[in-house]
Amino acid sequence: MRKINLISVLVLFFSLSLIAQEKFTISGYISDATSGERLIGASVSNLQTNSGTITNTYGFYSITLPADSVFLAISYVGYQPQIIP
């Protein structure tokens, strides 16, 4: 029974991804502008879809967005938020 449910979920996932709009992935590192220190746990979010991610222990992030997204908000405790078109 579990195998059937898993297969059903996979078929549903792949069929939805074929119908979905075009997407792209943005990735990089978030660091302090002065010292160059990588910021662990910085927030990277898409203002249009309210989706986001946080940087890992190396300050690295990766986020997949719809093709029509144009603004990212970067924030970290103690820093001014940045909005990047």
Protein backbone atom coordinates (compact mmCIF):
# COMPACT_ATOMS: atom_id res chain seq x y z
CA MET A 1 0.00 0.00 0.00
CA ARG A 2 2.79 2.46 0.76
CA LYS A 3 4.44 1.91 -2.61
CA ILE A 4 1.22 2.79 -4.44
CA ASN A 5 0.83 6.01 -2.47
CA LEU A 6 4.43 6.98 -3.15
CA ILE A 7 4.04 6.32 -6.87
CA SER A 8 0.80 8.32 -6.95
CA VAL A 9 2.52 11.26 -5.28
CA LEU A 10 5.45 11.08 -7.72
CA VAL A 11 3.14 10.96 -10.75
CA LEU A 12 1.18 13.93 -9.40
CA PHE A 13 4.39 15.86 -8.73
CA PHE A 14 5.78 15.29 -12.23
CA SER A 15 2.50 16.15 -13.95
CA LEU A 16 2.22 19.38 -11.98
CA SER A 17 5.79 20.34 -12.79
CA LEU A 18 5.06 19.96 -16.51
CA ILE A 19 2.10 22.33 -16.24
CA ALA A 20 3.91 24.85 -14.01
CA GLN A 21 5.41 28.03 -15.35
CA GLU A 22 9.08 28.41 -16.17
CA LYS A 23 11.35 28.79 -13.14
CA PHE A 24 14.96 29.70 -12.48
CA THR A 25 17.36 29.30 -9.58
CA ILE A 26 19.43 32.03 -7.98
CA SER A 27 22.24 31.11 -5.60
CA GLY A 28 25.16 32.81 -3.93
CA TYR A 29 26.74 33.88 -0.69
CA ILE A 30 25.61 36.60 1.71
CA SER A 31 28.44 38.41 3.46
CA ASP A 32 29.18 41.57 5.42
CA ALA A 33 30.08 44.40 3.01
CA THR A 34 32.91 45.67 5.21
CA SER A 35 34.59 42.58 6.65
CA GLY A 36 33.56 40.00 4.05
CA GLU A 37 32.41 37.67 6.84
CA ARG A 38 29.77 35.23 5.60
CA LEU A 39 26.40 35.64 7.32
CA ILE A 40 24.95 32.37 8.63
CA GLY A 41 21.16 32.27 8.82
CA ALA A 42 20.51 35.37 6.69
CA SER A 43 17.04 35.45 5.17
CA VAL A 44 16.56 35.59 1.39
CA SER A 45 12.95 35.98 0.28
CA ASN A 46 10.94 36.74 -2.84
CA LEU A 47 8.65 39.71 -2.20
CA GLN A 48 6.13 38.69 -4.87
CA THR A 49 5.51 35.09 -3.81
CA ASN A 50 6.46 35.32 -0.11
CA SER A 51 8.72 32.30 -0.51
CA GLY A 52 12.23 32.24 0.82
CA THR A 53 15.21 30.48 2.28
CA ILE A 54 18.05 31.08 4.73
CA THR A 55 21.79 30.84 4.28
CA ASN A 56 23.57 27.72 5.49
CA THR A 57 26.68 27.45 7.70
CA TYR A 58 28.81 28.80 4.82
CA GLY A 59 26.55 31.79 4.11
CA PHE A 60 25.34 30.09 0.91
CA TYR A 61 21.74 30.21 -0.34
CA SER A 62 19.82 28.82 -3.29
CA ILE A 63 16.24 29.75 -4.19
CA THR A 64 14.07 28.69 -7.13
CA LEU A 65 11.66 31.36 -8.36
CA PRO A 66 9.04 31.84 -11.06
CA ALA A 67 10.33 33.61 -14.17
CA ASP A 68 8.31 36.75 -13.44
CA SER A 69 9.88 37.39 -10.00
CA VAL A 70 11.97 40.52 -9.83
CA PHE A 71 12.67 41.50 -6.21
CA LEU A 72 14.63 39.68 -3.49
CA ALA A 73 14.77 40.89 0.10
CA ILE A 74 17.90 40.06 2.09
CA SER A 75 17.78 40.51 5.86
CA TYR A 76 19.91 39.63 8.86
CA VAL A 77 19.64 40.62 12.53
CA GLY A 78 21.59 43.82 13.18
CA TYR A 79 21.85 44.78 9.49
CA GLN A 80 19.77 47.03 7.25
CA PRO A 81 17.54 44.95 4.95
CA GLN A 82 18.50 45.02 1.26
CA ILE A 83 16.06 44.77 -1.65
CA ILE A 84 17.65 43.57 -4.88
CA PRO A 85 15.84 43.77 -8.23
